[in-house]
């Protein structure tokens, strides 16, 4: 939907976690290299998104005032 863990990690590294895929290891019992994946903590992202929308709303209201005076 437009966000990748790698992109988000640049600005908000605390919202990205690296995890290992243990599924194949558990199935086969063999010791192979694990694939690493990056996961986003979307729950912690919600307050940041709300703050961004609020900031945009404030800017739009200020611009409306300016346009009204013109």
PDB file of N, CA and C in Angstrom:
ATOM      1  N   UNK A   1       0.822  -1.200   0.000  1.00  0.00           N
ATOM      2  CA  UNK A   1       0.000   0.000   0.000  1.00  0.00           C
ATOM      3  C   UNK A   1       0.859   1.254   0.000  1.00  0.00           C
ATOM      4  N   UNK A   2       2.087   1.158  -0.401  1.00  0.00           N
ATOM      5  CA  UNK A   2       2.890   2.359  -0.527  1.00  0.00           C
ATOM      6  C   UNK A   2       4.013   2.499   0.483  1.00  0.00           C
ATOM      7  N   UNK A   3       4.059   1.656   1.508  1.00  0.00           N
ATOM      8  CA  UNK A   3       5.144   1.724   2.486  1.00  0.00           C
ATOM      9  C   UNK A   3       5.955   0.442   2.443  1.00  0.00           C
ATOM     10  N   UNK A   4       7.252   0.604   2.424  1.00  0.00           N
ATOM     11  CA  UNK A   4       8.109  -0.564   2.580  1.00  0.00           C
ATOM     12  C   UNK A   4       8.922  -0.366   3.852  1.00  0.00           C
ATOM     13  N   UNK A   5       9.296  -1.443   4.467  1.00  0.00           N
ATOM     14  CA  UNK A   5      10.081  -1.356   5.693  1.00  0.00           C
ATOM     15  C   UNK A   5      11.401  -0.628   5.437  1.00  0.00           C
ATOM     16  N   UNK A   6      11.991  -0.872   4.282  1.00  0.00           N
ATOM     17  CA  UNK A   6      13.270  -0.236   3.961  1.00  0.00           C
ATOM     18  C   UNK A   6      13.128   1.282   3.853  1.00  0.00           C
ATOM     19  N   UNK A   7      12.041   1.767   3.257  1.00  0.00           N
ATOM     20  CA  UNK A   7      11.827   3.205   3.145  1.00  0.00           C
ATOM     21  C   UNK A   7      11.533   3.826   4.509  1.00  0.00           C
ATOM     22  N   UNK A   8      10.699   3.178   5.276  1.00  0.00           N
ATOM     23  CA  UNK A   8      10.316   3.689   6.586  1.00  0.00           C
ATOM     24  C   UNK A   8      11.502   3.700   7.540  1.00  0.00           C
ATOM     25  N   UNK A   9      12.367   2.726   7.393  1.00  0.00           N
ATOM     26  CA  UNK A   9      13.525   2.585   8.280  1.00  0.00           C
ATOM     27  C   UNK A   9      14.465   3.791   8.210  1.00  0.00           C
ATOM     28  N   UNK A  10      14.507   4.460   7.070  1.00  0.00           N
ATOM     29  CA  UNK A  10      15.387   5.624   6.911  1.00  0.00           C
ATOM     30  C   UNK A  10      15.022   6.738   7.881  1.00  0.00           C
ATOM     31  N   UNK A  11      13.724   6.993   8.055  1.00  0.00           N
ATOM     32  CA  UNK A  11      13.275   8.085   8.908  1.00  0.00           C
ATOM     33  C   UNK A  11      12.834   7.632  10.295  1.00  0.00           C
ATOM     34  N   UNK A  12      12.347   6.402  10.393  1.00  0.00           N
ATOM     35  CA  UNK A  12      11.831   5.895  11.665  1.00  0.00           C
ATOM     36  C   UNK A  12      12.351   4.481  11.927  1.00  0.00           C
ATOM     37  N   UNK A  13      13.648   4.348  12.207  1.00  0.00           N
ATOM     38  CA  UNK A  13      14.217   3.011  12.391  1.00  0.00           C
ATOM     39  C   UNK A  13      13.600   2.248  13.565  1.00  0.00           C
ATOM     40  N   UNK A  14      13.053   2.975  14.533  1.00  0.00           N
ATOM     41  CA  UNK A  14      12.457   2.312  15.690  1.00  0.00           C
ATOM     42  C   UNK A  14      11.154   1.578  15.350  1.00  0.00           C
ATOM     43  N   UNK A  15      10.595   1.849  14.166  1.00  0.00           N
ATOM     44  CA  UNK A  15       9.355   1.195  13.748  1.00  0.00           C
ATOM     45  C   UNK A  15       9.594  -0.047  12.894  1.00  0.00           C
ATOM     46  N   UNK A  16      10.857  -0.369  12.640  1.00  0.00           N
ATOM     47  CA  UNK A  16      11.185  -1.510  11.785  1.00  0.00           C
ATOM     48  C   UNK A  16      11.992  -2.520  12.588  1.00  0.00           C
ATOM     49  N   UNK A  17      11.616  -3.778  12.425  1.00  0.00           N
ATOM     50  CA  UNK A  17      12.284  -4.856  13.139  1.00  0.00           C
ATOM     51  C   UNK A  17      12.700  -5.923  12.127  1.00  0.00           C
ATOM     52  N   UNK A  18      13.874  -6.471  12.323  1.00  0.00           N
ATOM     53  CA  UNK A  18      14.335  -7.551  11.447  1.00  0.00           C
ATOM     54  C   UNK A  18      14.019  -8.882  12.127  1.00  0.00           C
ATOM     55  N   UNK A  19      13.391  -9.775  11.364  1.00  0.00           N
ATOM     56  CA  UNK A  19      13.028 -11.079  11.913  1.00  0.00           C
ATOM     57  C   UNK A  19      13.599 -12.178  11.026  1.00  0.00           C
ATOM     58  N   UNK A  20      13.801 -13.332  11.611  1.00  0.00           N
ATOM     59  CA  UNK A  20      14.318 -14.487  10.860  1.00  0.00           C
ATOM     60  C   UNK A  20      13.166 -15.436  10.564  1.00  0.00           C
ATOM     61  N   UNK A  21      13.192 -16.011   9.386  1.00  0.00           N
ATOM     62  CA  UNK A  21      12.191 -17.005   9.002  1.00  0.00           C
ATOM     63  C   UNK A  21      12.680 -18.373   9.472  1.00  0.00           C
ATOM     64  N   UNK A  22      12.061 -18.859  10.515  1.00  0.00           N
ATOM     65  CA  UNK A  22      12.459 -20.149  11.087  1.00  0.00           C
ATOM     66  C   UNK A  22      11.606 -21.300  10.572  1.00  0.00           C
ATOM     67  N   UNK A  23      10.614 -21.025   9.750  1.00  0.00           N
ATOM     68  CA  UNK A  23       9.658 -22.051   9.350  1.00  0.00           C
ATOM     69  C   UNK A  23      10.320 -23.248   8.670  1.00  0.00           C
ATOM     70  N   UNK A  24      11.201 -23.033   7.728  1.00  0.00           N
ATOM     71  CA  UNK A  24      11.845 -24.150   7.035  1.00  0.00           C
ATOM     72  C   UNK A  24      12.762 -24.914   7.976  1.00  0.00           C
ATOM     73  N   UNK A  25      13.412 -24.202   8.871  1.00  0.00           N
ATOM     74  CA  UNK A  25      14.301 -24.856   9.839  1.00  0.00           C
ATOM     75  C   UNK A  25      13.494 -25.768  10.760  1.00  0.00           C
ATOM     76  N   UNK A  26      12.347 -25.309  11.212  1.00  0.00           N
ATOM     77  CA  UNK A  26      11.530 -26.104  12.123  1.00  0.00           C
ATOM     78  C   UNK A  26      10.929 -27.318  11.427  1.00  0.00           C
ATOM     79  N   UNK A  27      10.578 -27.161  10.144  1.00  0.00           N
ATOM     80  CA  UNK A  27       9.980 -28.269   9.394  1.00  0.00           C
ATOM     81  C   UNK A  27      10.985 -29.389   9.142  1.00  0.00           C
ATOM     82  N   UNK A  28      12.166 -29.022   8.701  1.00  0.00           N
ATOM     83  CA  UNK A  28      13.143 -30.033   8.286  1.00  0.00           C
ATOM     84  C   UNK A  28      14.083 -30.446   9.408  1.00  0.00           C
ATOM     85  N   UNK A  29      14.232 -29.588  10.405  1.00  0.00           N
ATOM     86  CA  UNK A  29      15.166 -29.886  11.485  1.00  0.00           C
ATOM     87  C   UNK A  29      16.610 -29.662  11.101  1.00  0.00           C
ATOM     88  N   UNK A  30      16.840 -29.260   9.861  1.00  0.00           N
ATOM     89  CA  UNK A  30      18.203 -29.008   9.402  1.00  0.00           C
ATOM     90  C   UNK A  30      18.640 -27.605   9.810  1.00  0.00           C
ATOM     91  N   UNK A  31      19.911 -27.448   9.949  1.00  0.00           N
ATOM     92  CA  UNK A  31      20.456 -26.139  10.283  1.00  0.00           C
ATOM     93  C   UNK A  31      20.903 -25.458   8.992  1.00  0.00           C
ATOM     94  N   UNK A  32      20.037 -24.646   8.455  1.00  0.00           N
ATOM     95  CA  UNK A  32      20.353 -23.899   7.236  1.00  0.00           C
ATOM     96  C   UNK A  32      20.395 -22.414   7.571  1.00  0.00           C
ATOM     97  N   UNK A  33      20.838 -21.648   6.620  1.00  0.00           N
ATOM     98  CA  UNK A  33      20.795 -20.204   6.819  1.00  0.00           C
ATOM     99  C   UNK A  33      19.343 -19.755   6.821  1.00  0.00           C
ATOM    100  N   UNK A  34      19.059 -18.809   7.683  1.00  0.00           N
ATOM    101  CA  UNK A  34      17.706 -18.285   7.775  1.00  0.00           C
ATOM    102  C   UNK A  34      17.566 -17.060   6.885  1.00  0.00           C
ATOM    103  N   UNK A  35      16.381 -16.906   6.301  1.00  0.00           N
ATOM    104  CA  UNK A  35      16.104 -15.677   5.567  1.00  0.00           C
ATOM    105  C   UNK A  35      15.705 -14.609   6.574  1.00  0.00           C
ATOM    106  N   UNK A  36      16.189 -13.409   6.350  1.00  0.00           N
ATOM    107  CA  UNK A  36      15.814 -12.287   7.203  1.00  0.00           C
ATOM    108  C   UNK A  36      14.767 -11.446   6.494  1.00  0.00           C
ATOM    109  N   UNK A  37      13.785 -11.027   7.254  1.00  0.00           N
ATOM    110  CA  UNK A  37      12.736 -10.159   6.740  1.00  0.00           C
ATOM    111  C   UNK A  37      12.638  -8.935   7.630  1.00  0.00           C
ATOM    112  N   UNK A  38      12.179  -7.847   7.053  1.00  0.00           N
ATOM    113  CA  UNK A  38      11.936  -6.634   7.831  1.00  0.00           C
ATOM    114  C   UNK A  38      10.434  -6.477   8.000  1.00  0.00           C
ATOM    115  N   UNK A  39      10.042  -6.161   9.230  1.00  0.00           N
ATOM    116  CA  UNK A  39       8.625  -6.012   9.545  1.00  0.00           C
ATOM    117  C   UNK A  39       8.382  -4.610  10.095  1.00  0.00           C
ATOM    118  N   UNK A  40       7.225  -4.047   9.767  1.00  0.00           N
ATOM    119  CA  UNK A  40       6.852  -2.708  10.209  1.00  0.00           C
ATOM    120  C   UNK A  40       5.880  -2.817  11.382  1.00  0.00           C
ATOM    121  N   UNK A  41       6.120  -2.026  12.408  1.00  0.00           N
ATOM    122  CA  UNK A  41       5.205  -1.937  13.539  1.00  0.00           C
ATOM    123  C   UNK A  41       4.160  -0.871  13.192  1.00  0.00           C
ATOM    124  N   UNK A  42       3.104  -1.299  12.531  1.00  0.00           N
ATOM    125  CA  UNK A  42       2.085  -0.370  12.050  1.00  0.00           C
ATOM    126  C   UNK A  42       1.316   0.293  13.189  1.00  0.00           C
ATOM    127  N   UNK A  43       1.162  -0.387  14.294  1.00  0.00           N
ATOM    128  CA  UNK A  43       0.440   0.190  15.431  1.00  0.00           C
ATOM    129  C   UNK A  43       1.145   1.445  15.941  1.00  0.00           C
ATOM    130  N   UNK A  44       2.453   1.409  16.008  1.00  0.00           N
ATOM    131  CA  UNK A  44       3.215   2.573  16.462  1.00  0.00           C
ATOM    132  C   UNK A  44       3.267   3.673  15.411  1.00  0.00           C
ATOM    133  N   UNK A  45       2.930   3.340  14.192  1.00  0.00           N
ATOM    134  CA  UNK A  45       2.930   4.324  13.110  1.00  0.00           C
ATOM    135  C   UNK A  45       1.671   5.205  13.139  1.00  0.00           C
ATOM    136  N   UNK A  46       0.593   4.710  13.722  1.00  0.00           N
ATOM    137  CA  UNK A  46      -0.690   5.426  13.717  1.00  0.00           C
ATOM    138  C   UNK A  46      -0.592   6.836  14.310  1.00  0.00           C
ATOM    139  N   UNK A  47       0.006   7.025  15.495  1.00  0.00           N
ATOM    140  CA  UNK A  47       0.090   8.391  16.033  1.00  0.00           C
ATOM    141  C   UNK A  47       0.854   9.355  15.120  1.00  0.00           C
ATOM    142  N   UNK A  48       1.884   8.851  14.443  1.00  0.00           N
ATOM    143  CA  UNK A  48       2.637   9.702  13.514  1.00  0.00           C
ATOM    144  C   UNK A  48       1.770  10.121  12.328  1.00  0.00           C
ATOM    145  N   UNK A  49       0.962   9.196  11.827  1.00  0.00           N
ATOM    146  CA  UNK A  49       0.077   9.510  10.708  1.00  0.00           C
ATOM    147  C   UNK A  49      -0.990  10.514  11.124  1.00  0.00           C
ATOM    148  N   UNK A  50      -1.544  10.341  12.314  1.00  0.00           N
ATOM    149  CA  UNK A  50      -2.560  11.285  12.809  1.00  0.00           C
ATOM    150  C   UNK A  50      -1.957  12.671  12.963  1.00  0.00           C
ATOM    151  N   UNK A  51      -0.754  12.763  13.512  1.00  0.00           N
ATOM    152  CA  UNK A  51      -0.090  14.062  13.669  1.00  0.00           C
ATOM    153  C   UNK A  51       0.151  14.713  12.310  1.00  0.00           C
ATOM    154  N   UNK A  52       0.507  13.912  11.315  1.00  0.00           N
ATOM    155  CA  UNK A  52       0.722  14.450   9.968  1.00  0.00           C
ATOM    156  C   UNK A  52      -0.561  15.007   9.367  1.00  0.00           C
ATOM    157  N   UNK A  53      -1.670  14.309   9.558  1.00  0.00           N
ATOM    158  CA  UNK A  53      -2.961  14.787   9.047  1.00  0.00           C
ATOM    159  C   UNK A  53      -3.360  16.074   9.761  1.00  0.00           C
ATOM    160  N   UNK A  54      -3.139  16.134  11.080  1.00  0.00           N
ATOM    161  CA  UNK A  54      -3.467  17.344  11.832  1.00  0.00           C
ATOM    162  C   UNK A  54      -2.633  18.531  11.359  1.00  0.00           C
ATOM    163  N   UNK A  55      -1.371  18.294  11.091  1.00  0.00           N
ATOM    164  CA  UNK A  55      -0.496  19.360  10.595  1.00  0.00           C
ATOM    165  C   UNK A  55      -0.966  19.852   9.227  1.00  0.00           C
ATOM    166  N   UNK A  56      -1.351  18.926   8.355  1.00  0.00           N
ATOM    167  CA  UNK A  56      -1.868  19.307   7.039  1.00  0.00           C
ATOM    168  C   UNK A  56      -3.138  20.141   7.176  1.00  0.00           C
ATOM    169  N   UNK A  57      -4.011  19.740   8.085  1.00  0.00           N
ATOM    170  CA  UNK A  57      -5.256  20.467   8.296  1.00  0.00           C
ATOM    171  C   UNK A  57      -4.978  21.900   8.744  1.00  0.00           C
ATOM    172  N   UNK A  58      -4.029  22.074   9.644  1.00  0.00           N
ATOM    173  CA  UNK A  58      -3.648  23.411  10.112  1.00  0.00           C
ATOM    174  C   UNK A  58      -3.119  24.251   8.956  1.00  0.00           C
ATOM    175  N   UNK A  59      -2.281  23.654   8.119  1.00  0.00           N
ATOM    176  CA  UNK A  59      -1.733  24.385   6.976  1.00  0.00           C
ATOM    177  C   UNK A  59      -2.832  24.782   6.001  1.00  0.00           C
ATOM    178  N   UNK A  60      -3.783  23.901   5.769  1.00  0.00           N
ATOM    179  CA  UNK A  60      -4.879  24.211   4.843  1.00  0.00           C
ATOM    180  C   UNK A  60      -5.748  25.350   5.389  1.00  0.00           C
ATOM    181  N   UNK A  61      -6.000  25.354   6.688  1.00  0.00           N
ATOM    182  CA  UNK A  61      -6.782  26.432   7.285  1.00  0.00           C
ATOM    183  C   UNK A  61      -6.060  27.765   7.183  1.00  0.00           C
ATOM    184  N   UNK A  62      -4.749  27.758   7.408  1.00  0.00           N
ATOM    185  CA  UNK A  62      -3.957  28.985   7.258  1.00  0.00           C
ATOM    186  C   UNK A  62      -3.996  29.485   5.819  1.00  0.00           C
ATOM    187  N   UNK A  63      -3.912  28.579   4.860  1.00  0.00           N
ATOM    188  CA  UNK A  63      -3.951  28.975   3.453  1.00  0.00           C
ATOM    189  C   UNK A  63      -5.324  29.523   3.089  1.00  0.00           C
ATOM    190  N   UNK A  64      -6.383  28.971   3.642  1.00  0.00           N
ATOM    191  CA  UNK A  64      -7.738  29.491   3.390  1.00  0.00           C
ATOM    192  C   UNK A  64      -7.860  30.920   3.881  1.00  0.00           C
ATOM    193  N   UNK A  65      -7.288  31.208   5.058  1.00  0.00           N
ATOM    194  CA  UNK A  65      -7.325  32.570   5.612  1.00  0.00           C
ATOM    195  C   UNK A  65      -6.597  33.532   4.677  1.00  0.00           C
ATOM    196  N   UNK A  66      -5.434  33.108   4.206  1.00  0.00           N
ATOM    197  CA  UNK A  66      -4.638  33.948   3.308  1.00  0.00           C
ATOM    198  C   UNK A  66      -5.411  34.211   2.022  1.00  0.00           C
ATOM    199  N   UNK A  67      -6.008  33.159   1.436  1.00  0.00           N
ATOM    200  CA  UNK A  67      -6.793  33.320   0.210  1.00  0.00           C
ATOM    201  C   UNK A  67      -8.002  34.215   0.446  1.00  0.00           C
ATOM    202  N   UNK A  68      -8.601  34.105   1.611  1.00  0.00           N
ATOM    203  CA  UNK A  68      -9.753  34.947   1.935  1.00  0.00           C
ATOM    204  C   UNK A  68      -9.417  36.429   1.984  1.00  0.00           C
ATOM    205  N   UNK A  69      -8.218  36.744   2.406  1.00  0.00           N
ATOM    206  CA  UNK A  69      -7.809  38.153   2.491  1.00  0.00           C
ATOM    207  C   UNK A  69      -7.391  38.701   1.125  1.00  0.00           C
ATOM    208  N   UNK A  70      -7.083  37.829   0.197  1.00  0.00           N
ATOM    209  CA  UNK A  70      -6.700  38.281  -1.143  1.00  0.00           C
ATOM    210  C   UNK A  70      -7.957  38.582  -1.887  1.00  0.00           C
TER     211      UNK A  70
END
